[in-house]
């Protein structure tokens, strides 16, 4: 079943009594409680998994590895995730939305530097979190090139990895990411990654609010991903026909949710 390494995709972690960065259902379905996150990571470690970052995965995709990633750059990346991961010897890549730094619930520039100083890999998740295929060339310049430059200036080190907001990308986006000097592009297409995987189409599996430890263990072995891929194919077809903006407006109207 296992044909590669699972890249797990987390977002904000929930602490009791603390307001989330956003409250709509499309966002909160991706929110894992701080206690559940710690239990999940401890469970993976007990099963013999080693948590690594994207860079390490490119160099060594041997069995019993799992890549932990976070999107957006929320404060809980530093306050919750980093201590848990460090205590268990797990690495991770944190994809930060550069323009969100300093907003309520998101890391400040100083906190980002602290996260970096703890040895964690930091990638880019755009400047303002738009759907990139909808943008013109100037928009791609801002969201891909300028976001990279800003993060590098804050941390004083290279940013090599990029993840697409909402998992949306096309050939123009991939070309821009390559030209900006990134080494990889991560999507939200649910598949494992191996040495033969295109580094500019890395798959990731979203960890949701109701994902159990047992499901996570199965995912890390590649189990059940065919179902997630079938769902993704249907969604991608709808987006292709309707366009990103129209699709999201219709989805929000009918279901009261939106993708993150």
C-alpha atoms as a PDB file:
ATOM      1  CA  UNK A   1       0.000   0.000   0.000  1.00  0.00           C
ATOM      2  CA  UNK A   2       2.801   2.405   0.951  1.00  0.00           C
ATOM      3  CA  UNK A   3       4.359   3.867  -2.225  1.00  0.00           C
ATOM      4  CA  UNK A   4       5.803   7.093  -0.872  1.00  0.00           C
ATOM      5  CA  UNK A   5       5.767   9.619   1.933  1.00  0.00           C
ATOM      6  CA  UNK A   6       2.609  11.312   3.194  1.00  0.00           C
ATOM      7  CA  UNK A   7       2.687  15.106   3.464  1.00  0.00           C
ATOM      8  CA  UNK A   8       0.124  16.061   6.122  1.00  0.00           C
ATOM      9  CA  UNK A   9      -1.476  19.505   5.903  1.00  0.00           C
ATOM     10  CA  UNK A  10      -2.502  21.263   9.119  1.00  0.00           C
ATOM     11  CA  UNK A  11      -3.840  24.759   9.710  1.00  0.00           C
ATOM     12  CA  UNK A  12      -4.611  26.660  12.902  1.00  0.00           C
ATOM     13  CA  UNK A  13      -4.718  24.650  16.149  1.00  0.00           C
ATOM     14  CA  UNK A  14      -7.501  25.393  18.603  1.00  0.00           C
ATOM     15  CA  UNK A  15      -6.867  26.300  22.234  1.00  0.00           C
ATOM     16  CA  UNK A  16      -9.711  26.352  24.816  1.00  0.00           C
ATOM     17  CA  UNK A  17     -11.226  29.813  25.184  1.00  0.00           C
ATOM     18  CA  UNK A  18      -9.172  31.316  22.369  1.00  0.00           C
ATOM     19  CA  UNK A  19     -10.872  32.889  19.357  1.00  0.00           C
ATOM     20  CA  UNK A  20      -9.940  31.420  15.981  1.00  0.00           C
ATOM     21  CA  UNK A  21      -8.538  33.548  13.164  1.00  0.00           C
ATOM     22  CA  UNK A  22     -11.727  32.882  11.185  1.00  0.00           C
ATOM     23  CA  UNK A  23     -15.093  31.427  12.120  1.00  0.00           C
ATOM     24  CA  UNK A  24     -16.839  30.309   8.912  1.00  0.00           C
ATOM     25  CA  UNK A  25     -17.471  26.557   8.491  1.00  0.00           C
ATOM     26  CA  UNK A  26     -15.154  26.224   5.496  1.00  0.00           C
ATOM     27  CA  UNK A  27     -12.287  27.320   7.724  1.00  0.00           C
ATOM     28  CA  UNK A  28     -13.203  25.596  10.964  1.00  0.00           C
ATOM     29  CA  UNK A  29     -13.441  22.149   9.352  1.00  0.00           C
ATOM     30  CA  UNK A  30      -9.646  22.338   9.034  1.00  0.00           C
ATOM     31  CA  UNK A  31      -9.133  23.242  12.689  1.00  0.00           C
ATOM     32  CA  UNK A  32      -7.645  20.547  14.916  1.00  0.00           C
ATOM     33  CA  UNK A  33      -7.600  21.027  18.678  1.00  0.00           C
ATOM     34  CA  UNK A  34      -4.220  21.423  20.353  1.00  0.00           C
ATOM     35  CA  UNK A  35      -4.770  18.260  22.399  1.00  0.00           C
ATOM     36  CA  UNK A  36      -5.810  16.223  19.353  1.00  0.00           C
ATOM     37  CA  UNK A  37      -2.735  17.420  17.457  1.00  0.00           C
ATOM     38  CA  UNK A  38      -0.405  16.345  20.249  1.00  0.00           C
ATOM     39  CA  UNK A  39      -2.121  12.955  20.469  1.00  0.00           C
ATOM     40  CA  UNK A  40      -1.812  12.505  16.692  1.00  0.00           C
ATOM     41  CA  UNK A  41       1.895  13.277  16.660  1.00  0.00           C
ATOM     42  CA  UNK A  42       2.525  11.044  19.668  1.00  0.00           C
ATOM     43  CA  UNK A  43       0.577   8.272  17.963  1.00  0.00           C
ATOM     44  CA  UNK A  44       2.638   8.558  14.776  1.00  0.00           C
ATOM     45  CA  UNK A  45       5.845   8.467  16.800  1.00  0.00           C
ATOM     46  CA  UNK A  46       4.666   5.373  18.687  1.00  0.00           C
ATOM     47  CA  UNK A  47       4.079   3.696  15.306  1.00  0.00           C
ATOM     48  CA  UNK A  48       7.696   4.340  14.398  1.00  0.00           C
ATOM     49  CA  UNK A  49       7.261   7.368  12.152  1.00  0.00           C
ATOM     50  CA  UNK A  50       9.855  10.107  11.956  1.00  0.00           C
ATOM     51  CA  UNK A  51       8.544  13.589  11.258  1.00  0.00           C
ATOM     52  CA  UNK A  52      10.572  15.500   8.664  1.00  0.00           C
ATOM     53  CA  UNK A  53      10.265  18.711   6.660  1.00  0.00           C
ATOM     54  CA  UNK A  54       9.916  19.143   2.901  1.00  0.00           C
ATOM     55  CA  UNK A  55      13.650  19.627   2.330  1.00  0.00           C
ATOM     56  CA  UNK A  56      14.476  16.418   4.188  1.00  0.00           C
ATOM     57  CA  UNK A  57      11.810  14.518   2.238  1.00  0.00           C
ATOM     58  CA  UNK A  58      13.436  15.512  -1.055  1.00  0.00           C
ATOM     59  CA  UNK A  59      16.722  14.092   0.192  1.00  0.00           C
ATOM     60  CA  UNK A  60      15.381  10.944   1.847  1.00  0.00           C
ATOM     61  CA  UNK A  61      11.946   9.460   1.149  1.00  0.00           C
ATOM     62  CA  UNK A  62      12.536   6.176   2.971  1.00  0.00           C
ATOM     63  CA  UNK A  63       9.689   4.314   4.719  1.00  0.00           C
ATOM     64  CA  UNK A  64       8.338   5.388   8.100  1.00  0.00           C
ATOM     65  CA  UNK A  65       8.774   9.068   7.295  1.00  0.00           C
ATOM     66  CA  UNK A  66       5.955  11.610   7.404  1.00  0.00           C
ATOM     67  CA  UNK A  67       6.137  15.279   6.424  1.00  0.00           C
ATOM     68  CA  UNK A  68       4.290  17.677   8.722  1.00  0.00           C
ATOM     69  CA  UNK A  69       3.205  20.954   7.098  1.00  0.00           C
ATOM     70  CA  UNK A  70       1.197  23.937   8.298  1.00  0.00           C
ATOM     71  CA  UNK A  71      -0.473  26.617   6.177  1.00  0.00           C
ATOM     72  CA  UNK A  72      -1.164  30.305   6.904  1.00  0.00           C
ATOM     73  CA  UNK A  73       1.274  31.193   9.705  1.00  0.00           C
ATOM     74  CA  UNK A  74      -1.026  31.277  12.729  1.00  0.00           C
ATOM     75  CA  UNK A  75       0.341  32.024  16.212  1.00  0.00           C
ATOM     76  CA  UNK A  76      -0.425  28.460  17.246  1.00  0.00           C
ATOM     77  CA  UNK A  77       2.321  27.318  14.854  1.00  0.00           C
ATOM     78  CA  UNK A  78       4.832  28.708  17.351  1.00  0.00           C
ATOM     79  CA  UNK A  79       2.860  28.453  20.590  1.00  0.00           C
ATOM     80  CA  UNK A  80       1.467  24.920  20.183  1.00  0.00           C
ATOM     81  CA  UNK A  81       2.853  23.013  17.215  1.00  0.00           C
ATOM     82  CA  UNK A  82       6.533  23.879  17.597  1.00  0.00           C
ATOM     83  CA  UNK A  83       6.846  22.764  21.254  1.00  0.00           C
ATOM     84  CA  UNK A  84       5.011  19.489  20.595  1.00  0.00           C
ATOM     85  CA  UNK A  85       7.080  18.719  17.509  1.00  0.00           C
ATOM     86  CA  UNK A  86      10.360  19.639  19.204  1.00  0.00           C
ATOM     87  CA  UNK A  87       9.616  17.510  22.261  1.00  0.00           C
ATOM     88  CA  UNK A  88       9.049  14.474  20.036  1.00  0.00           C
ATOM     89  CA  UNK A  89      11.922  15.117  17.654  1.00  0.00           C
ATOM     90  CA  UNK A  90       9.708  15.924  14.678  1.00  0.00           C
ATOM     91  CA  UNK A  91      10.569  18.433  11.983  1.00  0.00           C
ATOM     92  CA  UNK A  92       8.017  20.386   9.953  1.00  0.00           C
ATOM     93  CA  UNK A  93       7.588  22.965   7.210  1.00  0.00           C
ATOM     94  CA  UNK A  94       5.476  26.017   8.047  1.00  0.00           C
ATOM     95  CA  UNK A  95       4.058  27.756   4.963  1.00  0.00           C
ATOM     96  CA  UNK A  96       3.501  31.383   5.978  1.00  0.00           C
ATOM     97  CA  UNK A  97       1.183  33.925   4.336  1.00  0.00           C
ATOM     98  CA  UNK A  98       3.551  36.898   4.366  1.00  0.00           C
ATOM     99  CA  UNK A  99       0.874  39.601   4.364  1.00  0.00           C
ATOM    100  CA  UNK A 100      -0.906  38.089   7.377  1.00  0.00           C
ATOM    101  CA  UNK A 101       2.054  38.596   9.720  1.00  0.00           C
ATOM    102  CA  UNK A 102       1.044  40.858  12.598  1.00  0.00           C
ATOM    103  CA  UNK A 103      -2.702  40.346  12.181  1.00  0.00           C
ATOM    104  CA  UNK A 104      -4.778  39.063  15.084  1.00  0.00           C
ATOM    105  CA  UNK A 105      -4.155  35.369  15.548  1.00  0.00           C
ATOM    106  CA  UNK A 106      -1.185  35.242  13.181  1.00  0.00           C
ATOM    107  CA  UNK A 107       2.504  35.340  14.011  1.00  0.00           C
ATOM    108  CA  UNK A 108       4.391  38.603  14.199  1.00  0.00           C
ATOM    109  CA  UNK A 109       7.695  39.041  12.396  1.00  0.00           C
ATOM    110  CA  UNK A 110       9.512  38.455  15.688  1.00  0.00           C
ATOM    111  CA  UNK A 111       7.587  35.221  16.268  1.00  0.00           C
ATOM    112  CA  UNK A 112       8.410  34.051  12.755  1.00  0.00           C
ATOM    113  CA  UNK A 113      12.102  34.629  13.419  1.00  0.00           C
ATOM    114  CA  UNK A 114      11.762  32.655  16.652  1.00  0.00           C
ATOM    115  CA  UNK A 115      10.111  29.752  14.810  1.00  0.00           C
ATOM    116  CA  UNK A 116      12.962  29.814  12.316  1.00  0.00           C
ATOM    117  CA  UNK A 117      15.573  29.964  15.097  1.00  0.00           C
ATOM    118  CA  UNK A 118      14.136  26.765  16.575  1.00  0.00           C
ATOM    119  CA  UNK A 119      15.285  24.941  13.457  1.00  0.00           C
ATOM    120  CA  UNK A 120      11.969  24.639  11.629  1.00  0.00           C
ATOM    121  CA  UNK A 121      11.712  25.057   7.874  1.00  0.00           C
ATOM    122  CA  UNK A 122       9.641  28.041   6.701  1.00  0.00           C
ATOM    123  CA  UNK A 123       7.987  28.139   3.289  1.00  0.00           C
ATOM    124  CA  UNK A 124       5.739  30.651   1.556  1.00  0.00           C
ATOM    125  CA  UNK A 125       1.944  30.510   1.270  1.00  0.00           C
ATOM    126  CA  UNK A 126       1.632  33.678  -0.881  1.00  0.00           C
ATOM    127  CA  UNK A 127       1.281  37.299   0.197  1.00  0.00           C
ATOM    128  CA  UNK A 128      -2.490  37.604   0.773  1.00  0.00           C
ATOM    129  CA  UNK A 129      -3.929  34.084   0.162  1.00  0.00           C
ATOM    130  CA  UNK A 130      -5.782  34.566  -3.167  1.00  0.00           C
ATOM    131  CA  UNK A 131      -6.558  31.820  -5.676  1.00  0.00           C
ATOM    132  CA  UNK A 132      -3.496  32.197  -7.875  1.00  0.00           C
ATOM    133  CA  UNK A 133      -4.964  31.066 -11.232  1.00  0.00           C
ATOM    134  CA  UNK A 134      -7.351  34.046 -11.049  1.00  0.00           C
ATOM    135  CA  UNK A 135      -4.494  36.578 -11.005  1.00  0.00           C
ATOM    136  CA  UNK A 136      -2.791  38.522 -13.778  1.00  0.00           C
ATOM    137  CA  UNK A 137       0.997  38.688 -14.091  1.00  0.00           C
ATOM    138  CA  UNK A 138       1.272  41.601 -11.642  1.00  0.00           C
ATOM    139  CA  UNK A 139      -0.742  39.646  -9.094  1.00  0.00           C
ATOM    140  CA  UNK A 140       1.485  36.595  -9.446  1.00  0.00           C
ATOM    141  CA  UNK A 141       4.528  38.828  -9.032  1.00  0.00           C
ATOM    142  CA  UNK A 142       3.150  40.135  -5.735  1.00  0.00           C
ATOM    143  CA  UNK A 143       1.902  36.827  -4.352  1.00  0.00           C
ATOM    144  CA  UNK A 144       4.834  34.631  -5.370  1.00  0.00           C
ATOM    145  CA  UNK A 145       7.949  36.777  -5.909  1.00  0.00           C
ATOM    146  CA  UNK A 146       7.377  39.620  -3.443  1.00  0.00           C
ATOM    147  CA  UNK A 147       6.069  37.306  -0.708  1.00  0.00           C
ATOM    148  CA  UNK A 148       9.257  35.234  -0.978  1.00  0.00           C
ATOM    149  CA  UNK A 149      11.430  38.348  -0.782  1.00  0.00           C
ATOM    150  CA  UNK A 150       9.585  39.642   2.276  1.00  0.00           C
ATOM    151  CA  UNK A 151       9.913  36.399   4.210  1.00  0.00           C
ATOM    152  CA  UNK A 152      13.601  36.135   3.328  1.00  0.00           C
ATOM    153  CA  UNK A 153      14.230  39.686   4.519  1.00  0.00           C
ATOM    154  CA  UNK A 154      12.482  38.992   7.837  1.00  0.00           C
ATOM    155  CA  UNK A 155      14.311  35.727   8.540  1.00  0.00           C
ATOM    156  CA  UNK A 156      17.624  36.373   6.819  1.00  0.00           C
ATOM    157  CA  UNK A 157      17.557  33.029   5.013  1.00  0.00           C
ATOM    158  CA  UNK A 158      16.317  31.499   1.771  1.00  0.00           C
ATOM    159  CA  UNK A 159      12.726  30.378   1.304  1.00  0.00           C
ATOM    160  CA  UNK A 160      12.713  27.370  -1.013  1.00  0.00           C
ATOM    161  CA  UNK A 161       9.209  25.920  -0.724  1.00  0.00           C
ATOM    162  CA  UNK A 162       5.791  27.243  -1.769  1.00  0.00           C
ATOM    163  CA  UNK A 163       2.239  26.030  -1.134  1.00  0.00           C
ATOM    164  CA  UNK A 164      -0.752  27.220  -3.147  1.00  0.00           C
ATOM    165  CA  UNK A 165      -3.699  28.825  -1.311  1.00  0.00           C
ATOM    166  CA  UNK A 166      -6.702  26.577  -1.655  1.00  0.00           C
ATOM    167  CA  UNK A 167      -4.489  24.132  -3.544  1.00  0.00           C
ATOM    168  CA  UNK A 168      -5.258  26.069  -6.751  1.00  0.00           C
ATOM    169  CA  UNK A 169      -2.583  26.186  -9.438  1.00  0.00           C
ATOM    170  CA  UNK A 170      -2.092  25.965 -13.195  1.00  0.00           C
ATOM    171  CA  UNK A 171       0.810  26.103 -15.656  1.00  0.00           C
ATOM    172  CA  UNK A 172       1.203  29.878 -15.245  1.00  0.00           C
ATOM    173  CA  UNK A 173       1.455  29.493 -11.485  1.00  0.00           C
ATOM    174  CA  UNK A 174       4.005  26.680 -11.729  1.00  0.00           C
ATOM    175  CA  UNK A 175       6.076  28.725 -14.176  1.00  0.00           C
ATOM    176  CA  UNK A 176       6.026  31.743 -11.848  1.00  0.00           C
ATOM    177  CA  UNK A 177       6.996  29.617  -8.835  1.00  0.00           C
ATOM    178  CA  UNK A 178       9.951  28.192 -10.745  1.00  0.00           C
ATOM    179  CA  UNK A 179      11.078  31.603 -11.975  1.00  0.00           C
ATOM    180  CA  UNK A 180      10.917  32.968  -8.420  1.00  0.00           C
ATOM    181  CA  UNK A 181      13.524  30.404  -7.385  1.00  0.00           C
ATOM    182  CA  UNK A 182      11.480  28.008  -5.265  1.00  0.00           C
ATOM    183  CA  UNK A 183      12.506  24.358  -5.253  1.00  0.00           C
ATOM    184  CA  UNK A 184       9.018  22.894  -4.731  1.00  0.00           C
ATOM    185  CA  UNK A 185       5.315  23.634  -5.015  1.00  0.00           C
ATOM    186  CA  UNK A 186       2.847  21.889  -2.699  1.00  0.00           C
ATOM    187  CA  UNK A 187      -0.784  21.339  -3.632  1.00  0.00           C
ATOM    188  CA  UNK A 188      -3.724  19.863  -1.750  1.00  0.00           C
ATOM    189  CA  UNK A 189      -4.092  16.888  -4.088  1.00  0.00           C
ATOM    190  CA  UNK A 190      -4.202  13.815  -1.831  1.00  0.00           C
ATOM    191  CA  UNK A 191      -1.393  11.504  -2.885  1.00  0.00           C
ATOM    192  CA  UNK A 192       1.890  10.274  -1.445  1.00  0.00           C
ATOM    193  CA  UNK A 193       5.161  11.657  -2.735  1.00  0.00           C
ATOM    194  CA  UNK A 194       8.181   9.636  -3.859  1.00  0.00           C
ATOM    195  CA  UNK A 195      11.443  10.332  -5.664  1.00  0.00           C
ATOM    196  CA  UNK A 196       9.549  10.183  -8.977  1.00  0.00           C
ATOM    197  CA  UNK A 197       6.970  12.810  -7.933  1.00  0.00           C
ATOM    198  CA  UNK A 198       7.194  16.154  -9.727  1.00  0.00           C
ATOM    199  CA  UNK A 199       8.564  18.540  -7.037  1.00  0.00           C
ATOM    200  CA  UNK A 200       6.267  21.242  -8.440  1.00  0.00           C
ATOM    201  CA  UNK A 201       3.159  19.135  -7.885  1.00  0.00           C
ATOM    202  CA  UNK A 202       3.661  17.677  -4.407  1.00  0.00           C
ATOM    203  CA  UNK A 203       0.555  16.128  -2.912  1.00  0.00           C
ATOM    204  CA  UNK A 204      -0.690  16.807   0.621  1.00  0.00           C
ATOM    205  CA  UNK A 205      -3.467  15.286   2.700  1.00  0.00           C
ATOM    206  CA  UNK A 206      -5.544  17.658   4.811  1.00  0.00           C
ATOM    207  CA  UNK A 207      -5.967  16.763   8.476  1.00  0.00           C
ATOM    208  CA  UNK A 208      -9.509  17.805   9.411  1.00  0.00           C
ATOM    209  CA  UNK A 209     -11.264  18.484  12.698  1.00  0.00           C
ATOM    210  CA  UNK A 210     -12.669  14.951  12.787  1.00  0.00           C
ATOM    211  CA  UNK A 211      -9.609  13.031  11.558  1.00  0.00           C
ATOM    212  CA  UNK A 212      -8.849  10.214  14.008  1.00  0.00           C
ATOM    213  CA  UNK A 213      -5.474   8.790  14.969  1.00  0.00           C
ATOM    214  CA  UNK A 214      -6.429   5.537  13.234  1.00  0.00           C
ATOM    215  CA  UNK A 215      -7.337   7.352  10.020  1.00  0.00           C
ATOM    216  CA  UNK A 216      -4.079   9.268  10.140  1.00  0.00           C
ATOM    217  CA  UNK A 217      -2.085   6.044  10.433  1.00  0.00           C
ATOM    218  CA  UNK A 218      -3.950   4.616   7.434  1.00  0.00           C
ATOM    219  CA  UNK A 219      -3.344   7.795   5.411  1.00  0.00           C
ATOM    220  CA  UNK A 220       0.388   7.650   6.110  1.00  0.00           C
ATOM    221  CA  UNK A 221       0.405   4.196   4.476  1.00  0.00           C
ATOM    222  CA  UNK A 222      -1.515   5.476   1.455  1.00  0.00           C
ATOM    223  CA  UNK A 223      -4.809   3.900   2.463  1.00  0.00           C
ATOM    224  CA  UNK A 224      -8.092   5.464   1.352  1.00  0.00           C
ATOM    225  CA  UNK A 225      -6.479   8.088  -0.855  1.00  0.00           C
ATOM    226  CA  UNK A 226      -8.347   6.821  -3.935  1.00  0.00           C
ATOM    227  CA  UNK A 227     -11.585   8.105  -2.393  1.00  0.00           C
ATOM    228  CA  UNK A 228     -10.095  11.499  -1.614  1.00  0.00           C
ATOM    229  CA  UNK A 229      -8.709  11.683  -5.141  1.00  0.00           C
ATOM    230  CA  UNK A 230     -12.121  10.885  -6.612  1.00  0.00           C
ATOM    231  CA  UNK A 231     -13.669  13.710  -4.602  1.00  0.00           C
ATOM    232  CA  UNK A 232     -10.879  16.077  -5.697  1.00  0.00           C
ATOM    233  CA  UNK A 233     -11.448  15.162  -9.364  1.00  0.00           C
ATOM    234  CA  UNK A 234     -15.134  16.058  -9.093  1.00  0.00           C
ATOM    235  CA  UNK A 235     -14.341  19.364  -7.384  1.00  0.00           C
ATOM    236  CA  UNK A 236     -11.630  20.250  -9.911  1.00  0.00           C
ATOM    237  CA  UNK A 237     -14.025  19.557 -12.778  1.00  0.00           C
ATOM    238  CA  UNK A 238     -16.635  21.858 -11.257  1.00  0.00           C
ATOM    239  CA  UNK A 239     -14.065  24.606 -10.732  1.00  0.00           C
ATOM    240  CA  UNK A 240     -12.828  24.238 -14.304  1.00  0.00           C
ATOM    241  CA  UNK A 241     -16.342  24.655 -15.684  1.00  0.00           C
ATOM    242  CA  UNK A 242     -17.512  27.435 -13.368  1.00  0.00           C
ATOM    243  CA  UNK A 243     -14.261  29.211 -12.573  1.00  0.00           C
ATOM    244  CA  UNK A 244     -12.833  29.624  -9.069  1.00  0.00           C
ATOM    245  CA  UNK A 245     -14.825  32.705  -8.071  1.00  0.00           C
ATOM    246  CA  UNK A 246     -18.210  31.484  -9.340  1.00  0.00           C
ATOM    247  CA  UNK A 247     -17.638  28.039  -7.853  1.00  0.00           C
ATOM    248  CA  UNK A 248     -16.846  29.478  -4.430  1.00  0.00           C
ATOM    249  CA  UNK A 249     -19.841  31.828  -4.443  1.00  0.00           C
ATOM    250  CA  UNK A 250     -22.173  28.957  -5.368  1.00  0.00           C
ATOM    251  CA  UNK A 251     -20.607  26.618  -2.797  1.00  0.00           C
ATOM    252  CA  UNK A 252     -20.884  29.243  -0.089  1.00  0.00           C
ATOM    253  CA  UNK A 253     -24.529  29.926  -0.994  1.00  0.00           C
ATOM    254  CA  UNK A 254     -25.531  26.261  -0.998  1.00  0.00           C
ATOM    255  CA  UNK A 255     -23.385  24.880   1.813  1.00  0.00           C
ATOM    256  CA  UNK A 256     -22.240  27.850   3.840  1.00  0.00           C
ATOM    257  CA  UNK A 257     -18.626  26.741   3.425  1.00  0.00           C
ATOM    258  CA  UNK A 258     -15.533  27.672   1.474  1.00  0.00           C
ATOM    259  CA  UNK A 259     -12.166  26.079   0.797  1.00  0.00           C
ATOM    260  CA  UNK A 260      -9.017  27.146   2.618  1.00  0.00           C
END
